[in-house]
N, C-alpha and C. Protein backbone atom coordinates (compact mmCIF):
# COMPACT_ATOMS: atom_id res chain seq x y z
N MET A 1 9.26 -52.87 14.26
CA MET A 1 10.27 -52.03 13.62
C MET A 1 9.91 -50.55 13.80
N VAL A 2 8.66 -50.23 13.68
CA VAL A 2 8.24 -48.83 13.80
C VAL A 2 8.59 -48.30 15.18
N ARG A 3 8.32 -49.10 16.22
CA ARG A 3 8.58 -48.64 17.60
C ARG A 3 10.06 -48.60 17.92
N ALA A 4 10.87 -49.48 17.33
CA ALA A 4 12.31 -49.54 17.63
C ALA A 4 13.07 -48.60 16.72
N ASP A 5 12.82 -47.31 16.87
CA ASP A 5 13.39 -46.32 15.96
C ASP A 5 14.86 -46.02 16.20
N TRP A 6 15.47 -46.64 17.17
CA TRP A 6 16.91 -46.48 17.39
C TRP A 6 17.70 -47.40 16.46
N HIS A 7 17.01 -48.29 15.77
CA HIS A 7 17.63 -49.17 14.78
C HIS A 7 17.31 -48.67 13.38
N THR A 8 18.18 -49.01 12.43
CA THR A 8 17.87 -48.81 11.02
C THR A 8 17.61 -50.19 10.44
N TYR A 9 16.45 -50.36 9.84
CA TYR A 9 16.07 -51.64 9.25
C TYR A 9 16.20 -51.56 7.74
N GLN A 10 16.84 -52.55 7.18
CA GLN A 10 16.95 -52.67 5.72
C GLN A 10 16.10 -53.87 5.32
N VAL A 11 14.94 -53.58 4.74
CA VAL A 11 14.01 -54.62 4.33
C VAL A 11 14.23 -54.87 2.84
N LEU A 12 14.45 -56.12 2.48
CA LEU A 12 14.78 -56.47 1.10
C LEU A 12 13.79 -57.52 0.60
N THR A 13 13.33 -57.35 -0.64
CA THR A 13 12.41 -58.32 -1.22
C THR A 13 12.69 -58.54 -2.69
N LYS A 14 12.31 -59.73 -3.15
CA LYS A 14 12.24 -60.02 -4.58
C LYS A 14 10.79 -59.92 -5.05
N ARG A 15 9.89 -59.82 -4.11
CA ARG A 15 8.46 -59.79 -4.41
C ARG A 15 7.98 -58.34 -4.53
N SER A 16 8.46 -57.65 -5.52
CA SER A 16 8.17 -56.22 -5.66
C SER A 16 6.70 -55.95 -5.99
N GLU A 17 6.04 -56.87 -6.66
CA GLU A 17 4.61 -56.68 -6.93
C GLU A 17 3.83 -56.64 -5.62
N ARG A 18 4.18 -57.53 -4.71
CA ARG A 18 3.52 -57.57 -3.39
C ARG A 18 3.84 -56.31 -2.60
N LEU A 19 5.07 -55.87 -2.66
CA LEU A 19 5.46 -54.62 -2.01
C LEU A 19 4.58 -53.48 -2.48
N LEU A 20 4.41 -53.38 -3.77
CA LEU A 20 3.60 -52.31 -4.35
C LEU A 20 2.14 -52.40 -3.88
N GLN A 21 1.62 -53.61 -3.76
CA GLN A 21 0.25 -53.79 -3.28
C GLN A 21 0.08 -53.31 -1.84
N LEU A 22 1.11 -53.51 -1.02
CA LEU A 22 1.02 -53.19 0.41
C LEU A 22 1.53 -51.80 0.77
N ALA A 23 2.26 -51.17 -0.10
CA ALA A 23 3.00 -49.95 0.23
C ALA A 23 2.14 -48.86 0.85
N ASP A 24 0.96 -48.63 0.32
CA ASP A 24 0.13 -47.54 0.83
C ASP A 24 -0.47 -47.84 2.20
N SER A 25 -0.49 -49.10 2.60
CA SER A 25 -1.06 -49.44 3.90
C SER A 25 -0.01 -49.61 4.99
N LEU A 26 1.25 -49.46 4.64
CA LEU A 26 2.33 -49.63 5.61
C LEU A 26 2.85 -48.29 6.10
N PRO A 27 3.31 -48.24 7.36
CA PRO A 27 3.98 -47.03 7.83
C PRO A 27 5.40 -46.99 7.27
N TRP A 28 5.90 -45.80 6.98
CA TRP A 28 7.24 -45.67 6.41
C TRP A 28 8.07 -44.66 7.18
N PRO A 29 8.40 -44.95 8.45
CA PRO A 29 9.29 -44.03 9.16
C PRO A 29 10.67 -44.03 8.54
N PRO A 30 11.45 -42.98 8.77
CA PRO A 30 12.73 -42.86 8.07
C PRO A 30 13.78 -43.91 8.43
N HIS A 31 13.59 -44.65 9.51
CA HIS A 31 14.57 -45.68 9.89
C HIS A 31 14.27 -47.04 9.27
N ILE A 32 13.22 -47.14 8.45
CA ILE A 32 12.91 -48.38 7.74
C ILE A 32 13.17 -48.15 6.26
N TRP A 33 14.25 -48.75 5.78
CA TRP A 33 14.66 -48.62 4.38
C TRP A 33 14.10 -49.79 3.60
N MET A 34 13.77 -49.55 2.35
CA MET A 34 13.18 -50.61 1.52
C MET A 34 14.05 -50.84 0.30
N GLY A 35 14.28 -52.11 -0.02
CA GLY A 35 15.10 -52.45 -1.17
C GLY A 35 14.54 -53.62 -1.95
N VAL A 36 15.00 -53.74 -3.19
CA VAL A 36 14.66 -54.89 -4.03
C VAL A 36 15.94 -55.50 -4.58
N SER A 37 15.88 -56.80 -4.85
CA SER A 37 16.99 -57.51 -5.47
C SER A 37 16.89 -57.38 -6.98
N VAL A 38 18.03 -57.10 -7.60
CA VAL A 38 18.10 -57.00 -9.06
C VAL A 38 19.38 -57.72 -9.49
N GLU A 39 19.23 -58.96 -9.95
CA GLU A 39 20.40 -59.79 -10.26
C GLU A 39 20.87 -59.61 -11.70
N SER A 40 19.98 -59.18 -12.56
CA SER A 40 20.29 -59.05 -13.98
C SER A 40 19.26 -58.11 -14.61
N PRO A 41 19.43 -57.77 -15.88
CA PRO A 41 18.44 -56.89 -16.54
C PRO A 41 17.02 -57.47 -16.55
N ASP A 42 16.89 -58.78 -16.40
CA ASP A 42 15.56 -59.40 -16.37
C ASP A 42 14.70 -58.92 -15.21
N TYR A 43 15.32 -58.33 -14.18
CA TYR A 43 14.59 -57.95 -12.98
C TYR A 43 14.52 -56.44 -12.76
N LEU A 44 14.79 -55.68 -13.78
CA LEU A 44 14.71 -54.21 -13.65
C LEU A 44 13.30 -53.74 -13.31
N PHE A 45 12.29 -54.51 -13.64
CA PHE A 45 10.91 -54.13 -13.32
C PHE A 45 10.71 -53.93 -11.82
N ARG A 46 11.51 -54.63 -11.00
CA ARG A 46 11.39 -54.47 -9.54
C ARG A 46 11.71 -53.04 -9.10
N ILE A 47 12.61 -52.39 -9.80
CA ILE A 47 12.98 -51.01 -9.46
C ILE A 47 11.78 -50.09 -9.69
N HIS A 48 11.06 -50.29 -10.76
CA HIS A 48 9.86 -49.50 -11.05
C HIS A 48 8.86 -49.61 -9.89
N HIS A 49 8.69 -50.80 -9.35
CA HIS A 49 7.79 -50.98 -8.22
C HIS A 49 8.34 -50.28 -6.98
N LEU A 50 9.62 -50.44 -6.72
CA LEU A 50 10.23 -49.85 -5.53
C LEU A 50 10.08 -48.33 -5.49
N VAL A 51 10.32 -47.67 -6.60
CA VAL A 51 10.29 -46.19 -6.57
C VAL A 51 8.88 -45.65 -6.36
N GLN A 52 7.90 -46.50 -6.46
CA GLN A 52 6.54 -46.07 -6.19
C GLN A 52 6.18 -46.16 -4.71
N THR A 53 7.09 -46.67 -3.88
CA THR A 53 6.84 -46.75 -2.45
C THR A 53 7.32 -45.46 -1.79
N PRO A 54 6.70 -45.09 -0.66
CA PRO A 54 7.11 -43.86 0.03
C PRO A 54 8.24 -44.04 1.04
N ALA A 55 9.04 -45.08 0.90
CA ALA A 55 10.16 -45.29 1.82
C ALA A 55 11.13 -44.12 1.73
N ALA A 56 11.66 -43.71 2.87
CA ALA A 56 12.61 -42.59 2.90
C ALA A 56 13.91 -42.94 2.18
N ILE A 57 14.35 -44.18 2.32
CA ILE A 57 15.53 -44.68 1.62
C ILE A 57 15.09 -45.90 0.82
N ARG A 58 15.32 -45.82 -0.49
CA ARG A 58 15.03 -46.93 -1.39
C ARG A 58 16.36 -47.41 -1.96
N PHE A 59 16.64 -48.71 -1.82
CA PHE A 59 17.95 -49.21 -2.23
C PHE A 59 17.83 -50.44 -3.12
N LEU A 60 18.89 -50.67 -3.87
CA LEU A 60 18.99 -51.83 -4.75
C LEU A 60 20.05 -52.78 -4.20
N SER A 61 19.71 -54.03 -4.14
CA SER A 61 20.67 -55.08 -3.82
C SER A 61 20.95 -55.79 -5.13
N ILE A 62 22.02 -55.39 -5.78
CA ILE A 62 22.38 -55.94 -7.08
C ILE A 62 23.38 -57.06 -6.82
N GLU A 63 22.81 -58.12 -6.24
CA GLU A 63 23.62 -59.26 -5.85
C GLU A 63 22.77 -60.52 -5.76
N PRO A 64 23.28 -61.60 -6.22
CA PRO A 64 24.53 -61.66 -6.96
C PRO A 64 24.35 -61.04 -8.36
N LEU A 65 25.31 -60.25 -8.74
CA LEU A 65 25.31 -59.65 -10.08
C LEU A 65 25.70 -60.75 -11.07
N LEU A 66 24.73 -61.14 -11.90
CA LEU A 66 24.92 -62.29 -12.79
C LEU A 66 25.07 -61.92 -14.26
N ALA A 67 24.89 -60.65 -14.58
CA ALA A 67 24.97 -60.21 -15.97
C ALA A 67 25.18 -58.70 -15.98
N PRO A 68 25.69 -58.16 -17.07
CA PRO A 68 25.85 -56.71 -17.14
C PRO A 68 24.49 -56.01 -17.14
N ILE A 69 24.43 -54.86 -16.49
CA ILE A 69 23.22 -54.03 -16.49
C ILE A 69 23.66 -52.66 -16.98
N SER A 70 23.46 -52.42 -18.25
CA SER A 70 24.00 -51.20 -18.86
C SER A 70 23.11 -49.98 -18.69
N ALA A 71 21.83 -50.16 -18.40
CA ALA A 71 20.93 -49.02 -18.24
C ALA A 71 20.12 -49.20 -16.97
N LEU A 72 20.74 -48.89 -15.85
CA LEU A 72 20.12 -49.05 -14.55
C LEU A 72 19.30 -47.81 -14.22
N PRO A 73 17.97 -47.93 -14.06
CA PRO A 73 17.17 -46.76 -13.74
C PRO A 73 17.38 -46.34 -12.27
N LEU A 74 18.05 -45.24 -12.05
CA LEU A 74 18.44 -44.83 -10.70
C LEU A 74 17.65 -43.64 -10.16
N SER A 75 16.76 -43.10 -10.94
CA SER A 75 15.94 -41.99 -10.44
C SER A 75 15.06 -42.49 -9.30
N GLY A 76 15.11 -41.83 -8.17
CA GLY A 76 14.34 -42.25 -7.00
C GLY A 76 15.01 -43.30 -6.15
N ILE A 77 16.25 -43.67 -6.48
CA ILE A 77 17.02 -44.66 -5.71
C ILE A 77 18.07 -43.91 -4.90
N HIS A 78 18.25 -44.35 -3.65
CA HIS A 78 19.16 -43.66 -2.73
C HIS A 78 20.44 -44.43 -2.43
N TRP A 79 20.53 -45.68 -2.90
CA TRP A 79 21.70 -46.48 -2.56
C TRP A 79 21.72 -47.72 -3.45
N ALA A 80 22.90 -48.14 -3.89
CA ALA A 80 23.06 -49.37 -4.67
C ALA A 80 24.17 -50.22 -4.05
N ILE A 81 23.83 -51.46 -3.77
CA ILE A 81 24.77 -52.43 -3.21
C ILE A 81 25.03 -53.48 -4.30
N VAL A 82 26.29 -53.77 -4.57
CA VAL A 82 26.65 -54.73 -5.60
C VAL A 82 27.51 -55.83 -4.98
N GLY A 83 27.31 -57.05 -5.44
CA GLY A 83 28.13 -58.14 -4.95
C GLY A 83 28.08 -59.33 -5.89
N GLY A 84 29.15 -60.09 -5.86
CA GLY A 84 29.22 -61.32 -6.63
C GLY A 84 28.66 -62.48 -5.84
N GLU A 85 28.39 -63.56 -6.53
CA GLU A 85 27.87 -64.77 -5.91
C GLU A 85 29.01 -65.52 -5.25
N SER A 86 28.71 -66.22 -4.15
CA SER A 86 29.74 -67.02 -3.49
C SER A 86 29.21 -68.42 -3.25
N GLY A 87 30.11 -69.33 -2.99
CA GLY A 87 29.75 -70.71 -2.74
C GLY A 87 30.32 -71.64 -3.79
N SER A 88 30.13 -72.93 -3.59
CA SER A 88 30.76 -73.92 -4.45
C SER A 88 30.28 -73.87 -5.90
N ARG A 89 29.11 -73.33 -6.14
CA ARG A 89 28.59 -73.23 -7.50
C ARG A 89 28.46 -71.77 -7.96
N ALA A 90 29.25 -70.93 -7.38
CA ALA A 90 29.17 -69.49 -7.68
C ALA A 90 29.45 -69.21 -9.15
N ARG A 91 28.59 -68.42 -9.74
CA ARG A 91 28.82 -67.94 -11.10
C ARG A 91 29.65 -66.67 -11.00
N PRO A 92 30.61 -66.48 -11.86
CA PRO A 92 31.52 -65.34 -11.72
C PRO A 92 30.86 -64.00 -12.06
N MET A 93 31.27 -62.98 -11.33
CA MET A 93 30.89 -61.61 -11.63
C MET A 93 32.10 -60.94 -12.27
N LYS A 94 31.92 -60.35 -13.40
CA LYS A 94 33.01 -59.63 -14.05
C LYS A 94 33.15 -58.25 -13.42
N LEU A 95 34.39 -57.86 -13.14
CA LEU A 95 34.62 -56.54 -12.56
C LEU A 95 34.08 -55.43 -13.46
N LYS A 96 34.10 -55.65 -14.76
CA LYS A 96 33.56 -54.66 -15.68
C LYS A 96 32.09 -54.37 -15.38
N TRP A 97 31.33 -55.39 -15.00
CA TRP A 97 29.91 -55.20 -14.68
C TRP A 97 29.76 -54.31 -13.45
N ALA A 98 30.55 -54.59 -12.41
CA ALA A 98 30.49 -53.79 -11.19
C ALA A 98 30.96 -52.36 -11.47
N ARG A 99 32.00 -52.23 -12.26
CA ARG A 99 32.54 -50.91 -12.61
C ARG A 99 31.49 -50.08 -13.36
N ASP A 100 30.79 -50.72 -14.27
CA ASP A 100 29.76 -50.02 -15.04
C ASP A 100 28.64 -49.51 -14.12
N ILE A 101 28.23 -50.33 -13.17
CA ILE A 101 27.20 -49.90 -12.22
C ILE A 101 27.72 -48.78 -11.34
N ARG A 102 28.97 -48.91 -10.90
CA ARG A 102 29.57 -47.83 -10.11
C ARG A 102 29.55 -46.52 -10.88
N ASP A 103 29.92 -46.56 -12.15
CA ASP A 103 29.95 -45.35 -12.97
C ASP A 103 28.56 -44.77 -13.15
N GLN A 104 27.56 -45.63 -13.33
CA GLN A 104 26.19 -45.14 -13.44
C GLN A 104 25.75 -44.48 -12.14
N CYS A 105 26.12 -45.08 -11.01
CA CYS A 105 25.78 -44.50 -9.71
C CYS A 105 26.45 -43.15 -9.53
N GLN A 106 27.71 -43.05 -9.87
CA GLN A 106 28.40 -41.76 -9.73
C GLN A 106 27.72 -40.69 -10.56
N LYS A 107 27.37 -41.02 -11.79
CA LYS A 107 26.71 -40.06 -12.67
C LYS A 107 25.38 -39.60 -12.08
N ALA A 108 24.64 -40.54 -11.47
CA ALA A 108 23.33 -40.23 -10.89
C ALA A 108 23.42 -39.74 -9.45
N ARG A 109 24.63 -39.69 -8.89
CA ARG A 109 24.86 -39.25 -7.51
C ARG A 109 24.15 -40.17 -6.50
N VAL A 110 24.26 -41.46 -6.76
CA VAL A 110 23.71 -42.49 -5.89
C VAL A 110 24.88 -43.19 -5.21
N PRO A 111 24.91 -43.26 -3.88
CA PRO A 111 26.00 -43.97 -3.20
C PRO A 111 26.10 -45.42 -3.65
N PHE A 112 27.35 -45.87 -3.81
CA PHE A 112 27.66 -47.21 -4.33
C PHE A 112 28.43 -47.98 -3.27
N PHE A 113 27.99 -49.20 -2.98
CA PHE A 113 28.63 -50.06 -1.98
C PHE A 113 28.95 -51.40 -2.65
N LEU A 114 30.23 -51.70 -2.78
CA LEU A 114 30.66 -53.00 -3.31
C LEU A 114 30.86 -53.94 -2.13
N LYS A 115 29.93 -54.85 -1.97
CA LYS A 115 29.92 -55.75 -0.80
C LYS A 115 30.95 -56.86 -0.90
N GLN A 116 30.96 -57.55 -2.05
CA GLN A 116 31.90 -58.66 -2.21
C GLN A 116 32.07 -58.95 -3.69
N LEU A 117 33.24 -59.52 -4.01
CA LEU A 117 33.52 -59.91 -5.39
C LEU A 117 32.98 -61.30 -5.70
N GLY A 118 32.76 -62.10 -4.68
CA GLY A 118 32.24 -63.44 -4.85
C GLY A 118 33.32 -64.42 -5.26
N GLY A 119 32.95 -65.66 -5.40
CA GLY A 119 33.88 -66.70 -5.81
C GLY A 119 33.53 -68.04 -5.20
N GLN A 120 34.12 -69.08 -5.74
CA GLN A 120 33.82 -70.43 -5.28
C GLN A 120 34.57 -70.79 -4.00
N ARG A 121 35.66 -70.12 -3.72
CA ARG A 121 36.46 -70.47 -2.54
C ARG A 121 36.42 -69.40 -1.47
N GLY A 122 35.57 -68.44 -1.59
CA GLY A 122 35.45 -67.38 -0.60
C GLY A 122 34.67 -66.22 -1.18
N LYS A 123 34.16 -65.41 -0.32
CA LYS A 123 33.33 -64.30 -0.78
C LYS A 123 34.15 -63.13 -1.31
N ARG A 124 35.40 -63.02 -0.87
CA ARG A 124 36.25 -61.88 -1.21
C ARG A 124 35.51 -60.58 -0.90
N GLY A 125 35.01 -60.51 0.31
CA GLY A 125 34.29 -59.33 0.77
C GLY A 125 35.14 -58.50 1.71
N GLY A 126 34.51 -57.48 2.31
CA GLY A 126 35.21 -56.62 3.24
C GLY A 126 36.41 -55.96 2.60
N ALA A 127 37.57 -56.10 3.22
CA ALA A 127 38.79 -55.44 2.74
C ALA A 127 39.29 -56.02 1.42
N GLU A 128 38.78 -57.17 1.00
CA GLU A 128 39.20 -57.79 -0.26
C GLU A 128 38.35 -57.35 -1.45
N ALA A 129 37.27 -56.63 -1.20
CA ALA A 129 36.37 -56.21 -2.28
C ALA A 129 36.90 -54.91 -2.89
N ILE A 130 37.99 -55.03 -3.62
CA ILE A 130 38.68 -53.88 -4.22
C ILE A 130 38.26 -53.73 -5.68
N LEU A 131 37.90 -52.52 -6.04
CA LEU A 131 37.58 -52.20 -7.42
C LEU A 131 38.36 -50.95 -7.79
N ASP A 132 39.18 -51.05 -8.80
CA ASP A 132 40.01 -49.93 -9.26
C ASP A 132 40.85 -49.34 -8.13
N GLY A 133 41.42 -50.25 -7.33
CA GLY A 133 42.38 -49.84 -6.32
C GLY A 133 41.81 -49.33 -5.01
N ARG A 134 40.50 -49.45 -4.81
CA ARG A 134 39.94 -48.95 -3.56
C ARG A 134 38.68 -49.70 -3.16
N LEU A 135 38.31 -49.52 -1.90
CA LEU A 135 37.04 -50.03 -1.40
C LEU A 135 35.95 -49.04 -1.77
N TRP A 136 34.77 -49.53 -2.01
CA TRP A 136 33.61 -48.69 -2.31
C TRP A 136 32.54 -49.01 -1.27
N HIS A 137 32.52 -48.22 -0.19
CA HIS A 137 31.60 -48.46 0.91
C HIS A 137 30.77 -47.21 1.18
N GLN A 138 30.24 -46.61 0.15
CA GLN A 138 29.42 -45.42 0.31
C GLN A 138 28.07 -45.82 0.90
N LEU A 139 27.52 -44.92 1.70
CA LEU A 139 26.23 -45.15 2.36
C LEU A 139 25.32 -43.96 2.10
N PRO A 140 24.01 -44.21 2.11
CA PRO A 140 23.10 -43.07 1.98
C PRO A 140 23.12 -42.25 3.26
N THR A 141 22.95 -40.95 3.13
CA THR A 141 22.96 -40.10 4.32
C THR A 141 21.58 -39.51 4.61
N THR A 142 20.76 -39.36 3.59
CA THR A 142 19.41 -38.81 3.76
C THR A 142 18.51 -39.47 2.75
N GLY A 143 17.26 -39.05 2.71
CA GLY A 143 16.32 -39.55 1.73
C GLY A 143 16.35 -38.78 0.43
N THR A 144 17.37 -37.97 0.21
CA THR A 144 17.44 -37.21 -1.03
C THR A 144 18.24 -37.97 -2.07
N GLU A 145 17.98 -37.72 -3.31
CA GLU A 145 18.69 -38.41 -4.38
C GLU A 145 20.13 -37.93 -4.51
N ALA A 146 20.46 -36.77 -4.00
CA ALA A 146 21.81 -36.24 -4.12
C ALA A 146 22.61 -36.52 -2.86
N ALA A 147 22.52 -37.74 -2.35
CA ALA A 147 23.20 -38.09 -1.11
C ALA A 147 24.70 -38.29 -1.26
N CYS A 148 25.18 -38.43 -2.49
CA CYS A 148 26.60 -38.72 -2.70
C CYS A 148 27.13 -37.88 -3.85
N PRO A 149 28.13 -37.06 -3.58
CA PRO A 149 28.71 -36.27 -4.67
C PRO A 149 29.38 -37.17 -5.70
N ALA A 150 29.33 -36.78 -6.93
CA ALA A 150 30.00 -37.53 -8.00
C ALA A 150 31.49 -37.61 -7.70
N GLY A 151 32.08 -38.74 -8.01
CA GLY A 151 33.52 -38.91 -7.84
C GLY A 151 33.92 -39.43 -6.49
N MET A 152 33.00 -39.58 -5.54
CA MET A 152 33.37 -40.12 -4.24
C MET A 152 33.56 -41.61 -4.31
């Protein structure tokens, strides 16, 4: 990954403790982004581990979103991706939960990407992932926390 700098790599883990153990011994070029999965408030500790890494872009994969997260720590985070669960046993994601995370991201100036609404009969992703009348496909542009103006 380090040598193939013409690609952008999005590395995602649930093993944030291990990430923290290895972070100082890994190279962190700007084209290797690091993220953690946060499905519910039970996993907010992963964000604390992530922000201690020197990755240029640190992102959250809040999918599948299984419960409301009313106090998402976004300091040091450059991007948040939200999505509902899909498949025959998919647990529903309430739009209110996604909306609340979007609002927190806007306040913190963190780009927000709504990947999919989820569901048992389809992912309802792409052009179907509508929240409040629009698609939310914001992307990080730099390693700064102010990558996205509020209200975008």
